[in-house]
C-alpha atoms as a PDB file:
ATOM      1  CA  MET A   1      22.977   1.685  18.226  1.00  0.00           C
ATOM      2  CA  ASN A   2      20.525  -0.971  19.182  1.00  0.00           C
ATOM      3  CA  LEU A   3      17.022  -0.141  18.152  1.00  0.00           C
ATOM      4  CA  ASP A   4      15.461  -3.389  19.292  1.00  0.00           C
ATOM      5  CA  PHE A   5      11.717  -2.791  19.050  1.00  0.00           C
ATOM      6  CA  ARG A   6      10.805  -4.730  22.149  1.00  0.00           C
ATOM      7  CA  LYS A   7      13.495  -3.143  24.341  1.00  0.00           C
ATOM      8  CA  ASN A   8      12.410   0.292  23.224  1.00  0.00           C
ATOM      9  CA  GLU A   9       8.718  -0.310  23.279  1.00  0.00           C
ATOM     10  CA  ARG A  10       7.740   2.805  25.011  1.00  0.00           C
ATOM     11  CA  GLY A  11       9.723   5.160  22.829  1.00  0.00           C
ATOM     12  CA  PHE A  12       8.442   3.483  19.699  1.00  0.00           C
ATOM     13  CA  ARG A  13       4.787   3.555  20.811  1.00  0.00           C
ATOM     14  CA  TYR A  14       5.037   7.334  21.446  1.00  0.00           C
ATOM     15  CA  TYR A  15       5.879   8.030  17.824  1.00  0.00           C
ATOM     16  CA  LEU A  16       3.640   5.322  16.391  1.00  0.00           C
ATOM     17  CA  LYS A  17       0.623   6.470  18.399  1.00  0.00           C
ATOM     18  CA  ASN A  18       1.254  10.237  18.298  1.00  0.00           C
ATOM     19  CA  ARG A  19      -1.378  11.749  15.937  1.00  0.00           C
ATOM     20  CA  TYR A  20       0.983  14.037  14.150  1.00  0.00           C
ATOM     21  CA  TRP A  21       3.670  11.430  13.667  1.00  0.00           C
ATOM     22  CA  VAL A  22       1.047   8.883  12.415  1.00  0.00           C
ATOM     23  CA  ILE A  23      -0.189  11.372   9.914  1.00  0.00           C
ATOM     24  CA  GLY A  24       3.247  12.163   8.698  1.00  0.00           C
ATOM     25  CA  ILE A  25       4.260   8.492   8.542  1.00  0.00           C
ATOM     26  CA  ALA A  26       1.040   7.468   6.690  1.00  0.00           C
ATOM     27  CA  LEU A  27       1.292  10.303   4.131  1.00  0.00           C
ATOM     28  CA  PHE A  28       4.959   9.474   3.553  1.00  0.00           C
ATOM     29  CA  CYS A  29       4.053   5.811   2.835  1.00  0.00           C
ATOM     30  CA  ALA A  30       1.203   6.884   0.583  1.00  0.00           C
ATOM     31  CA  VAL A  31       3.467   9.287  -1.436  1.00  0.00           C
ATOM     32  CA  LEU A  32       6.147   6.440  -1.732  1.00  0.00           C
ATOM     33  CA  TRP A  33       3.537   4.039  -3.147  1.00  0.00           C
ATOM     34  CA  GLY A  34       2.300   6.812  -5.397  1.00  0.00           C
ATOM     35  CA  SER A  35       5.817   7.258  -6.758  1.00  0.00           C
ATOM     36  CA  ALA A  36       5.629   3.655  -7.910  1.00  0.00           C
ATOM     37  CA  PHE A  37       3.265   4.615 -10.721  1.00  0.00           C
ATOM     38  CA  PRO A  38       5.696   6.700 -12.780  1.00  0.00           C
ATOM     39  CA  VAL A  39       8.571   4.472 -11.790  1.00  0.00           C
ATOM     40  CA  LEU A  40       6.687   1.437 -13.194  1.00  0.00           C
ATOM     41  CA  LYS A  41       5.616   3.197 -16.316  1.00  0.00           C
ATOM     42  CA  VAL A  42       9.160   4.191 -17.067  1.00  0.00           C
ATOM     43  CA  SER A  43      10.486   0.720 -15.998  1.00  0.00           C
ATOM     44  CA  TYR A  44       8.171  -1.124 -18.484  1.00  0.00           C
ATOM     45  CA  ALA A  45       9.419   1.133 -21.278  1.00  0.00           C
ATOM     46  CA  GLU A  46      13.161   0.777 -20.213  1.00  0.00           C
ATOM     47  CA  LEU A  47      12.827  -2.993 -19.955  1.00  0.00           C
ATOM     48  CA  GLY A  48      10.878  -3.455 -23.171  1.00  0.00           C
ATOM     49  CA  ILE A  49       7.894  -5.239 -21.464  1.00  0.00           C
ATOM     50  CA  ALA A  50       4.786  -5.402 -23.622  1.00  0.00           C
ATOM     51  CA  PRO A  51       1.650  -4.192 -21.803  1.00  0.00           C
ATOM     52  CA  ASP A  52      -0.052  -7.510 -22.324  1.00  0.00           C
ATOM     53  CA  ASP A  53       3.007  -9.691 -21.263  1.00  0.00           C
ATOM     54  CA  ARG A  54       1.506 -10.874 -17.951  1.00  0.00           C
ATOM     55  CA  TYR A  55       4.364 -13.280 -17.053  1.00  0.00           C
ATOM     56  CA  ALA A  56       6.997 -10.636 -17.511  1.00  0.00           C
ATOM     57  CA  ILE A  57       5.063  -8.239 -15.312  1.00  0.00           C
ATOM     58  CA  ILE A  58       4.644 -10.940 -12.641  1.00  0.00           C
ATOM     59  CA  VAL A  59       8.216 -11.862 -12.747  1.00  0.00           C
ATOM     60  CA  LEU A  60       9.190  -8.159 -12.398  1.00  0.00           C
ATOM     61  CA  ALA A  61       6.940  -7.745  -9.465  1.00  0.00           C
ATOM     62  CA  GLY A  62       8.472 -10.922  -7.959  1.00  0.00           C
ATOM     63  CA  ILE A  63      12.069  -9.686  -8.447  1.00  0.00           C
ATOM     64  CA  ARG A  64      11.049  -6.271  -7.002  1.00  0.00           C
ATOM     65  CA  PHE A  65       9.595  -7.637  -3.730  1.00  0.00           C
ATOM     66  CA  PHE A  66      12.339 -10.323  -3.427  1.00  0.00           C
ATOM     67  CA  ILE A  67      14.994  -7.497  -3.347  1.00  0.00           C
ATOM     68  CA  SER A  68      12.629  -5.584  -0.921  1.00  0.00           C
ATOM     69  CA  SER A  69      12.753  -8.613   1.390  1.00  0.00           C
ATOM     70  CA  LEU A  70      16.466  -8.784   1.338  1.00  0.00           C
ATOM     71  CA  LEU A  71      16.755  -5.005   2.136  1.00  0.00           C
ATOM     72  CA  ILE A  72      14.547  -5.473   5.168  1.00  0.00           C
ATOM     73  CA  PHE A  73      16.309  -8.503   6.367  1.00  0.00           C
ATOM     74  CA  ALA A  74      19.566  -6.672   6.108  1.00  0.00           C
ATOM     75  CA  LEU A  75      18.166  -3.777   8.068  1.00  0.00           C
ATOM     76  CA  ILE A  76      16.813  -6.158  10.732  1.00  0.00           C
ATOM     77  CA  VAL A  77      20.244  -7.938  11.203  1.00  0.00           C
ATOM     78  CA  VAL A  78      22.698  -5.088  10.698  1.00  0.00           C
ATOM     79  CA  GLY A  79      20.671  -1.967  11.583  1.00  0.00           C
ATOM     80  CA  ILE A  80      18.437  -2.890  14.592  1.00  0.00           C
ATOM     81  CA  ARG A  81      20.436  -6.111  15.430  1.00  0.00           C
ATOM     82  CA  GLN A  82      17.510  -8.347  15.850  1.00  0.00           C
ATOM     83  CA  SER A  83      16.986 -11.881  14.796  1.00  0.00           C
ATOM     84  CA  PRO A  84      14.657 -12.257  11.825  1.00  0.00           C
ATOM     85  CA  LYS A  85      13.707 -15.707  13.033  1.00  0.00           C
ATOM     86  CA  VAL A  86      10.016 -16.402  13.727  1.00  0.00           C
ATOM     87  CA  LYS A  87       8.262 -19.209  15.447  1.00  0.00           C
ATOM     88  CA  ILE A  88       7.446 -22.185  13.193  1.00  0.00           C
ATOM     89  CA  ALA A  89       3.784 -21.807  14.263  1.00  0.00           C
ATOM     90  CA  MET A  90       3.800 -18.347  12.649  1.00  0.00           C
ATOM     91  CA  LEU A  91       4.970 -19.404   9.224  1.00  0.00           C
ATOM     92  CA  PRO A  92       1.452 -20.404   7.987  1.00  0.00           C
ATOM     93  CA  GLN A  93       0.130 -16.979   8.766  1.00  0.00           C
ATOM     94  CA  LEU A  94       3.076 -15.256   7.158  1.00  0.00           C
ATOM     95  CA  PHE A  95       2.718 -17.330   4.152  1.00  0.00           C
ATOM     96  CA  LEU A  96      -0.974 -16.497   3.908  1.00  0.00           C
ATOM     97  CA  LEU A  97      -0.114 -12.814   4.327  1.00  0.00           C
ATOM     98  CA  GLY A  98       2.460 -13.003   1.565  1.00  0.00           C
ATOM     99  CA  LEU A  99      -0.102 -14.825  -0.635  1.00  0.00           C
ATOM    100  CA  LEU A 100      -2.771 -12.193  -0.021  1.00  0.00           C
ATOM    101  CA  GLN A 101      -0.738  -8.860   0.090  1.00  0.00           C
ATOM    102  CA  ILE A 102       2.014  -9.674  -2.491  1.00  0.00           C
ATOM    103  CA  SER A 103       1.140 -12.586  -4.762  1.00  0.00           C
ATOM    104  CA  LEU A 104      -2.746 -12.406  -5.240  1.00  0.00           C
ATOM    105  CA  MET A 105      -3.131  -8.632  -4.865  1.00  0.00           C
ATOM    106  CA  TYR A 106      -0.452  -7.764  -7.394  1.00  0.00           C
ATOM    107  CA  PHE A 107      -1.622 -10.528  -9.739  1.00  0.00           C
ATOM    108  CA  PHE A 108      -5.145  -9.176  -9.832  1.00  0.00           C
ATOM    109  CA  PHE A 109      -4.120  -5.590  -9.841  1.00  0.00           C
ATOM    110  CA  TYR A 110      -1.672  -5.727 -12.728  1.00  0.00           C
ATOM    111  CA  ASN A 111      -3.834  -8.033 -14.824  1.00  0.00           C
ATOM    112  CA  GLY A 112      -7.045  -6.142 -14.108  1.00  0.00           C
ATOM    113  CA  LEU A 113      -5.470  -2.847 -14.914  1.00  0.00           C
ATOM    114  CA  ALA A 114      -4.436  -4.145 -18.425  1.00  0.00           C
ATOM    115  CA  HIS A 115      -8.177  -4.808 -19.176  1.00  0.00           C
ATOM    116  CA  THR A 116      -9.814  -1.647 -18.038  1.00  0.00           C
ATOM    117  CA  SER A 117      -9.508   2.138 -18.459  1.00  0.00           C
ATOM    118  CA  GLY A 118      -7.158   4.302 -16.462  1.00  0.00           C
ATOM    119  CA  MET A 119      -9.977   6.145 -14.552  1.00  0.00           C
ATOM    120  CA  LYS A 120     -11.813   2.963 -13.676  1.00  0.00           C
ATOM    121  CA  GLY A 121      -8.461   1.455 -12.504  1.00  0.00           C
ATOM    122  CA  ALA A 122      -7.725   4.408 -10.217  1.00  0.00           C
ATOM    123  CA  VAL A 123     -11.220   4.356  -8.814  1.00  0.00           C
ATOM    124  CA  LEU A 124     -11.469   0.615  -8.268  1.00  0.00           C
ATOM    125  CA  SER A 125      -7.954   0.238  -6.803  1.00  0.00           C
ATOM    126  CA  SER A 126      -8.959   2.920  -4.188  1.00  0.00           C
ATOM    127  CA  ALA A 127     -11.875   0.706  -3.392  1.00  0.00           C
ATOM    128  CA  ALA A 128      -9.478  -1.331  -1.262  1.00  0.00           C
ATOM    129  CA  ILE A 129      -9.686   1.473   1.342  1.00  0.00           C
ATOM    130  CA  PHE A 130     -13.385   1.176   1.537  1.00  0.00           C
ATOM    131  CA  PHE A 131     -13.166  -2.625   2.068  1.00  0.00           C
ATOM    132  CA  VAL A 132     -10.659  -2.170   4.891  1.00  0.00           C
ATOM    133  CA  VAL A 133     -12.856   0.392   6.612  1.00  0.00           C
ATOM    134  CA  VAL A 134     -15.951  -1.797   6.297  1.00  0.00           C
ATOM    135  CA  LEU A 135     -14.186  -4.950   7.293  1.00  0.00           C
ATOM    136  CA  ALA A 136     -12.630  -3.249  10.354  1.00  0.00           C
ATOM    137  CA  HIS A 137     -16.166  -2.297  11.360  1.00  0.00           C
ATOM    138  CA  PHE A 138     -17.054  -5.944  11.775  1.00  0.00           C
ATOM    139  CA  VAL A 139     -13.694  -7.297  13.166  1.00  0.00           C
ATOM    140  CA  TYR A 140     -12.913  -4.594  15.817  1.00  0.00           C
ATOM    141  CA  VAL A 141     -15.243  -3.246  18.405  1.00  0.00           C
ATOM    142  CA  ASP A 142     -13.374   0.123  18.624  1.00  0.00           C
ATOM    143  CA  ASP A 143     -13.090   0.765  14.851  1.00  0.00           C
ATOM    144  CA  ARG A 144     -16.798   1.098  13.902  1.00  0.00           C
ATOM    145  CA  LEU A 145     -18.123   3.045  11.039  1.00  0.00           C
ATOM    146  CA  ASP A 146     -19.428   6.518  11.768  1.00  0.00           C
ATOM    147  CA  TRP A 147     -20.469   9.553   9.780  1.00  0.00           C
ATOM    148  CA  ARG A 148     -16.853  11.007   9.891  1.00  0.00           C
ATOM    149  CA  LYS A 149     -15.438   7.892   8.292  1.00  0.00           C
ATOM    150  CA  ILE A 150     -18.194   7.725   5.760  1.00  0.00           C
ATOM    151  CA  LEU A 151     -17.791  11.457   4.853  1.00  0.00           C
ATOM    152  CA  GLY A 152     -13.913  10.820   4.702  1.00  0.00           C
ATOM    153  CA  LEU A 153     -14.495   7.959   2.220  1.00  0.00           C
ATOM    154  CA  ILE A 154     -16.883   9.984   0.093  1.00  0.00           C
ATOM    155  CA  ALA A 155     -14.424  12.855  -0.128  1.00  0.00           C
ATOM    156  CA  GLY A 156     -11.524  10.483  -0.956  1.00  0.00           C
ATOM    157  CA  PHE A 157     -13.439   8.770  -3.745  1.00  0.00           C
ATOM    158  CA  ALA A 158     -14.540  12.150  -5.065  1.00  0.00           C
ATOM    159  CA  GLY A 159     -10.931  13.252  -5.233  1.00  0.00           C
ATOM    160  CA  ILE A 160      -9.860  10.097  -7.158  1.00  0.00           C
ATOM    161  CA  ILE A 161     -12.785  10.475  -9.657  1.00  0.00           C
ATOM    162  CA  LEU A 162     -12.010  14.275 -10.058  1.00  0.00           C
ATOM    163  CA  ILE A 163      -8.364  13.574 -10.839  1.00  0.00           C
ATOM    164  CA  ASN A 164      -9.370  11.145 -13.574  1.00  0.00           C
ATOM    165  CA  SER A 165     -12.140  13.365 -14.958  1.00  0.00           C
ATOM    166  CA  GLY A 166     -11.918  13.788 -18.717  1.00  0.00           C
ATOM    167  CA  GLN A 167     -10.738  10.265 -19.320  1.00  0.00           C
ATOM    168  CA  ASN A 168     -12.865   7.631 -20.892  1.00  0.00           C
ATOM    169  CA  PHE A 169     -15.259   6.202 -18.200  1.00  0.00           C
ATOM    170  CA  THR A 170     -17.885   3.686 -19.046  1.00  0.00           C
ATOM    171  CA  PHE A 171     -20.032   1.414 -16.939  1.00  0.00           C
ATOM    172  CA  ASP A 172     -19.267  -1.846 -18.759  1.00  0.00           C
ATOM    173  CA  PHE A 173     -17.983  -4.690 -16.670  1.00  0.00           C
ATOM    174  CA  SER A 174     -15.661  -7.579 -17.260  1.00  0.00           C
ATOM    175  CA  TRP A 175     -14.250 -10.136 -14.717  1.00  0.00           C
ATOM    176  CA  GLN A 176     -10.660  -9.797 -16.226  1.00  0.00           C
ATOM    177  CA  GLY A 177     -10.762  -6.124 -15.878  1.00  0.00           C
ATOM    178  CA  GLU A 178     -13.099  -4.565 -13.364  1.00  0.00           C
ATOM    179  CA  GLY A 179     -13.663  -7.875 -11.598  1.00  0.00           C
ATOM    180  CA  PHE A 180      -9.953  -8.428 -10.981  1.00  0.00           C
ATOM    181  CA  MET A 181      -9.650  -4.845  -9.662  1.00  0.00           C
ATOM    182  CA  ILE A 182     -12.293  -5.372  -7.171  1.00  0.00           C
ATOM    183  CA  LEU A 183     -10.821  -8.751  -6.108  1.00  0.00           C
ATOM    184  CA  SER A 184      -7.391  -6.974  -5.658  1.00  0.00           C
ATOM    185  CA  GLY A 185      -9.146  -4.583  -3.264  1.00  0.00           C
ATOM    186  CA  ILE A 186     -10.885  -7.411  -1.316  1.00  0.00           C
ATOM    187  CA  VAL A 187      -7.655  -9.378  -1.038  1.00  0.00           C
ATOM    188  CA  SER A 188      -5.807  -6.334   0.115  1.00  0.00           C
ATOM    189  CA  ALA A 189      -8.354  -5.523   2.788  1.00  0.00           C
ATOM    190  CA  PHE A 190      -8.169  -9.060   4.318  1.00  0.00           C
ATOM    191  CA  GLY A 191      -4.357  -8.886   4.175  1.00  0.00           C
ATOM    192  CA  THR A 192      -4.458  -5.509   6.033  1.00  0.00           C
ATOM    193  CA  ILE A 193      -6.616  -7.022   8.867  1.00  0.00           C
ATOM    194  CA  LEU A 194      -4.357 -10.116   9.019  1.00  0.00           C
ATOM    195  CA  ALA A 195      -1.158  -7.980   9.164  1.00  0.00           C
ATOM    196  CA  LYS A 196      -2.602  -5.983  12.047  1.00  0.00           C
ATOM    197  CA  ARG A 197      -3.193  -9.250  13.953  1.00  0.00           C
ATOM    198  CA  ILE A 198       0.186 -10.810  13.242  1.00  0.00           C
ATOM    199  CA  SER A 199       1.921  -7.483  14.141  1.00  0.00           C
ATOM    200  CA  LYS A 200       1.033  -7.994  17.655  1.00  0.00           C
ATOM    201  CA  GLU A 201       3.252 -11.084  17.828  1.00  0.00           C
ATOM    202  CA  VAL A 202       5.904 -10.299  15.193  1.00  0.00           C
ATOM    203  CA  HIS A 203       8.150  -7.140  14.816  1.00  0.00           C
ATOM    204  CA  PRO A 204       6.625  -5.138  11.954  1.00  0.00           C
ATOM    205  CA  PHE A 205       9.887  -5.214  10.044  1.00  0.00           C
ATOM    206  CA  VAL A 206      10.232  -8.976  10.322  1.00  0.00           C
ATOM    207  CA  LEU A 207       6.631  -9.323   9.401  1.00  0.00           C
ATOM    208  CA  THR A 208       7.146  -7.295   6.230  1.00  0.00           C
ATOM    209  CA  ALA A 209      10.447  -9.104   5.345  1.00  0.00           C
ATOM    210  CA  TRP A 210       8.830 -12.531   5.541  1.00  0.00           C
ATOM    211  CA  GLN A 211       5.570 -11.455   3.736  1.00  0.00           C
ATOM    212  CA  MET A 212       7.590 -10.098   0.770  1.00  0.00           C
ATOM    213  CA  LEU A 213      10.039 -13.037   0.621  1.00  0.00           C
ATOM    214  CA  LEU A 214       7.278 -15.663   0.557  1.00  0.00           C
ATOM    215  CA  GLY A 215       4.956 -13.628  -1.677  1.00  0.00           C
ATOM    216  CA  SER A 216       7.748 -12.886  -4.192  1.00  0.00           C
ATOM    217  CA  VAL A 217       8.792 -16.469  -4.450  1.00  0.00           C
ATOM    218  CA  ILE A 218       5.268 -17.416  -5.320  1.00  0.00           C
ATOM    219  CA  LEU A 219       5.157 -14.698  -8.135  1.00  0.00           C
ATOM    220  CA  ILE A 220       8.467 -15.767  -9.559  1.00  0.00           C
ATOM    221  CA  ALA A 221       7.552 -19.521  -9.415  1.00  0.00           C
ATOM    222  CA  VAL A 222       4.271 -18.759 -11.220  1.00  0.00           C
ATOM    223  CA  GLY A 223       5.717 -16.298 -13.895  1.00  0.00           C
ATOM    224  CA  LEU A 224       9.212 -17.700 -14.656  1.00  0.00           C
ATOM    225  CA  PRO A 225       8.361 -21.017 -16.340  1.00  0.00           C
ATOM    226  CA  SER A 226       6.191 -19.135 -18.921  1.00  0.00           C
ATOM    227  CA  LEU A 227       8.506 -16.204 -19.360  1.00  0.00           C
ATOM    228  CA  LYS A 228       9.412 -15.595 -23.004  1.00  0.00           C
ATOM    229  CA  PRO A 229      13.040 -15.166 -24.006  1.00  0.00           C
ATOM    230  CA  HIS A 230      14.295 -11.476 -24.081  1.00  0.00           C
ATOM    231  CA  SER A 231      11.030 -10.338 -22.476  1.00  0.00           C
ATOM    232  CA  MET A 232      12.996  -8.056 -20.176  1.00  0.00           C
ATOM    233  CA  VAL A 233      16.168  -6.232 -21.215  1.00  0.00           C
ATOM    234  CA  PHE A 234      17.987  -4.861 -18.134  1.00  0.00           C
ATOM    235  CA  THR A 235      19.791  -1.539 -18.694  1.00  0.00           C
ATOM    236  CA  ASN A 236      21.582   0.454 -16.117  1.00  0.00           C
ATOM    237  CA  LYS A 237      18.599   2.801 -15.877  1.00  0.00           C
ATOM    238  CA  ALA A 238      16.247  -0.141 -15.390  1.00  0.00           C
ATOM    239  CA  LEU A 239      18.402  -1.608 -12.646  1.00  0.00           C
ATOM    240  CA  VAL A 240      18.342   1.765 -10.833  1.00  0.00           C
ATOM    241  CA  LEU A 241      14.555   1.958 -11.104  1.00  0.00           C
ATOM    242  CA  LEU A 242      14.282  -1.660  -9.937  1.00  0.00           C
ATOM    243  CA  VAL A 243      16.320  -1.039  -6.859  1.00  0.00           C
ATOM    244  CA  TYR A 244      14.316   2.123  -6.119  1.00  0.00           C
ATOM    245  CA  SER A 245      10.974   0.449  -6.485  1.00  0.00           C
ATOM    246  CA  ALA A 246      12.230  -2.270  -4.111  1.00  0.00           C
ATOM    247  CA  PHE A 247      13.413   0.262  -1.656  1.00  0.00           C
ATOM    248  CA  LEU A 248      10.058   2.181  -1.663  1.00  0.00           C
ATOM    249  CA  SER A 249       8.147  -1.006  -1.140  1.00  0.00           C
ATOM    250  CA  ALA A 250      10.406  -2.095   1.722  1.00  0.00           C
ATOM    251  CA  THR A 251      10.120   1.278   3.353  1.00  0.00           C
ATOM    252  CA  ALA A 252       6.451   1.918   2.866  1.00  0.00           C
ATOM    253  CA  PHE A 253       5.274  -1.535   3.919  1.00  0.00           C
ATOM    254  CA  SER A 254       7.512  -1.594   6.968  1.00  0.00           C
ATOM    255  CA  LEU A 255       6.474   1.818   8.266  1.00  0.00           C
ATOM    256  CA  TRP A 256       2.843   1.083   7.337  1.00  0.00           C
ATOM    257  CA  TYR A 257       2.701  -2.048   9.408  1.00  0.00           C
ATOM    258  CA  ALA A 258       4.448  -0.370  12.242  1.00  0.00           C
ATOM    259  CA  ILE A 259       1.678   2.324  12.530  1.00  0.00           C
ATOM    260  CA  LEU A 260      -1.061  -0.247  11.829  1.00  0.00           C
ATOM    261  CA  LYS A 261       0.047  -2.183  14.935  1.00  0.00           C
ATOM    262  CA  TYR A 262      -0.901   0.751  17.190  1.00  0.00           C
ATOM    263  CA  ASN A 263      -3.677   2.432  15.373  1.00  0.00           C
ATOM    264  CA  LYS A 264      -7.132   1.731  14.012  1.00  0.00           C
ATOM    265  CA  ALA A 265      -6.965   0.053  10.579  1.00  0.00           C
ATOM    266  CA  GLY A 266     -10.206   1.930   9.407  1.00  0.00           C
ATOM    267  CA  GLU A 267      -8.741   5.310  10.255  1.00  0.00           C
ATOM    268  CA  ILE A 268      -5.237   5.115   8.834  1.00  0.00           C
ATOM    269  CA  SER A 269      -6.373   3.420   5.666  1.00  0.00           C
ATOM    270  CA  VAL A 270      -8.084   6.648   4.566  1.00  0.00           C
ATOM    271  CA  TYR A 271      -4.560   8.127   4.016  1.00  0.00           C
ATOM    272  CA  LYS A 272      -4.112   5.690   1.042  1.00  0.00           C
ATOM    273  CA  PHE A 273      -6.284   7.966  -0.934  1.00  0.00           C
ATOM    274  CA  MET A 274      -3.121  10.079  -1.224  1.00  0.00           C
ATOM    275  CA  THR A 275      -1.455   7.275  -3.268  1.00  0.00           C
ATOM    276  CA  PRO A 276      -3.281   7.701  -6.538  1.00  0.00           C
ATOM    277  CA  VAL A 277      -3.400  11.443  -6.197  1.00  0.00           C
ATOM    278  CA  SER A 278       0.325  11.598  -5.565  1.00  0.00           C
ATOM    279  CA  GLY A 279       0.946   9.039  -8.257  1.00  0.00           C
ATOM    280  CA  ALA A 280      -0.864  11.199 -10.837  1.00  0.00           C
ATOM    281  CA  MET A 281       0.971  14.278  -9.701  1.00  0.00           C
ATOM    282  CA  LEU A 282       4.428  12.591  -9.794  1.00  0.00           C
ATOM    283  CA  SER A 283       3.520  11.147 -13.166  1.00  0.00           C
ATOM    284  CA  ALA A 284       2.780  14.608 -14.484  1.00  0.00           C
ATOM    285  CA  LEU A 285       6.226  15.771 -13.177  1.00  0.00           C
ATOM    286  CA  PHE A 286       8.414  12.942 -14.499  1.00  0.00           C
ATOM    287  CA  ILE A 287       6.539  11.289 -17.406  1.00  0.00           C
ATOM    288  CA  PRO A 288       6.769  13.140 -20.715  1.00  0.00           C
ATOM    289  CA  GLY A 289       3.446  14.226 -22.179  1.00  0.00           C
ATOM    290  CA  GLU A 290       1.677  14.311 -18.930  1.00  0.00           C
ATOM    291  CA  ARG A 291       1.079  17.646 -16.993  1.00  0.00           C
ATOM    292  CA  LEU A 292      -0.232  18.994 -13.829  1.00  0.00           C
ATOM    293  CA  THR A 293      -3.875  20.238 -13.908  1.00  0.00           C
ATOM    294  CA  LEU A 294      -6.233  22.037 -11.721  1.00  0.00           C
ATOM    295  CA  ASN A 295      -8.035  18.904 -11.081  1.00  0.00           C
ATOM    296  CA  MET A 296      -5.055  17.433  -9.325  1.00  0.00           C
ATOM    297  CA  PHE A 297      -4.824  20.113  -6.768  1.00  0.00           C
ATOM    298  CA  MET A 298      -8.638  20.113  -6.267  1.00  0.00           C
ATOM    299  CA  ALA A 299      -8.402  16.291  -5.706  1.00  0.00           C
ATOM    300  CA  LEU A 300      -5.591  16.830  -3.248  1.00  0.00           C
ATOM    301  CA  ALA A 301      -7.846  19.290  -1.326  1.00  0.00           C
ATOM    302  CA  LEU A 302     -10.647  16.721  -1.204  1.00  0.00           C
ATOM    303  CA  VAL A 303      -8.390  13.876   0.008  1.00  0.00           C
ATOM    304  CA  ALA A 304      -6.938  16.287   2.688  1.00  0.00           C
ATOM    305  CA  PHE A 305     -10.490  17.116   3.685  1.00  0.00           C
ATOM    306  CA  GLY A 306     -11.312  13.449   4.098  1.00  0.00           C
ATOM    307  CA  VAL A 307      -8.367  12.726   6.192  1.00  0.00           C
ATOM    308  CA  ILE A 308      -9.055  15.741   8.527  1.00  0.00           C
ATOM    309  CA  ILE A 309     -12.682  14.631   8.895  1.00  0.00           C
ATOM    310  CA  VAL A 310     -11.681  11.112   9.901  1.00  0.00           C
ATOM    311  CA  ASN A 311      -9.186  12.333  12.393  1.00  0.00           C
ATOM    312  CA  TYR A 312     -11.352  15.190  13.907  1.00  0.00           C
ATOM    313  CA  LYS A 313     -13.065  12.764  16.239  1.00  0.00           C
ATOM    314  CA  ARG A 314      -9.866  12.094  18.169  1.00  0.00           C
ATOM    315  CA  LYS A 315      -9.469  15.899  18.907  1.00  0.00           C
ATOM    316  CA  ILE A 316     -13.102  16.093  20.116  1.00  0.00           C
ATOM    317  CA  LEU A 317     -12.672  13.092  22.351  1.00  0.00           C
ATOM    318  CA  LYS A 318      -9.346  14.364  23.819  1.00  0.00           C
ATOM    319  CA  GLU A 319     -10.831  17.737  24.538  1.00  0.00           C
ATOM    320  CA  ALA A 320     -13.833  16.154  26.273  1.00  0.00           C
ATOM    321  CA  LEU A 321     -11.523  14.060  28.430  1.00  0.00           C
ATOM    322  CA  LEU A 322      -9.548  17.114  29.428  1.00  0.00           C
ATOM    323  CA  ARG A 323     -12.733  18.863  30.463  1.00  0.00           C
ATOM    324  CA  GLU A 324     -14.019  15.952  32.611  1.00  0.00           C
ATOM    325  CA  GLY A 325     -10.692  15.213  34.213  1.00  0.00           C
ATOM    326  CA  PRO A 326      -9.323  11.929  35.499  1.00  0.00           C
ATOM    327  CA  TYR A 327     -11.803   9.394  36.904  1.00  0.00           C
END
């Protein structure tokens, strides 16, 4: 079956603009990204990667996204039967997107997380959502900040802080720790805005494949020359985890860019608050020594409240238009 995006534009737009489908897809992506937390924790232990071995972590991330890009290229060619080729003029933008969303973001994220507490890492990584919403306010005339978005952001941040309450939280600051986490969020926000613009000209799946391919090559090129011998020992379990992490990245990024093309960046980004919440809950289920707590479910409720508040405006506007009738 040919699922060419351009030939089936009307059908795809229905699902990617329908509020309920958008909510479902966005939450599915967030949960997939959340599952990466326990998967990576188990992967590090299974591969024997030391927490402070930056180059091994960078190479692992590079391998993960390189496999992800191959999976998406295969889907494009075999599944939807579309050419993965892009115009030469688009390559600089795709390279920049790969540099932002894959290379720089994950470099800052992983290295920053190694130099700060778990609670501060979770809070600061969620700051990327705030940066996207604020940046969208200045970039798009139809994606302005309002009291609903602000309230949704507050509820989301409250949920992230709540789920980490009880852990060590201090107000000290270091560039290698907190500074890198903030830079990760800023880089991710610019990448999101750039991805939305490119997706108007490039199929979202093709966009994702090229972004991951170019970004992963940069990571591998930076980390491989300094990789210590036997830094990673691949077992059968480690290979399965690597393939799954590649699959989740390929799926989540592809679907996210698809809905990003047809929806406001500031509104759908709020759903990413579900990522650290689902990550904590899945870690409690699959990581020995971690357990479900009341705080997790309260955090989930706060995040859900934030998402509902942000989307409530659409319902009000729709009802107003129905009352007024066509012009």
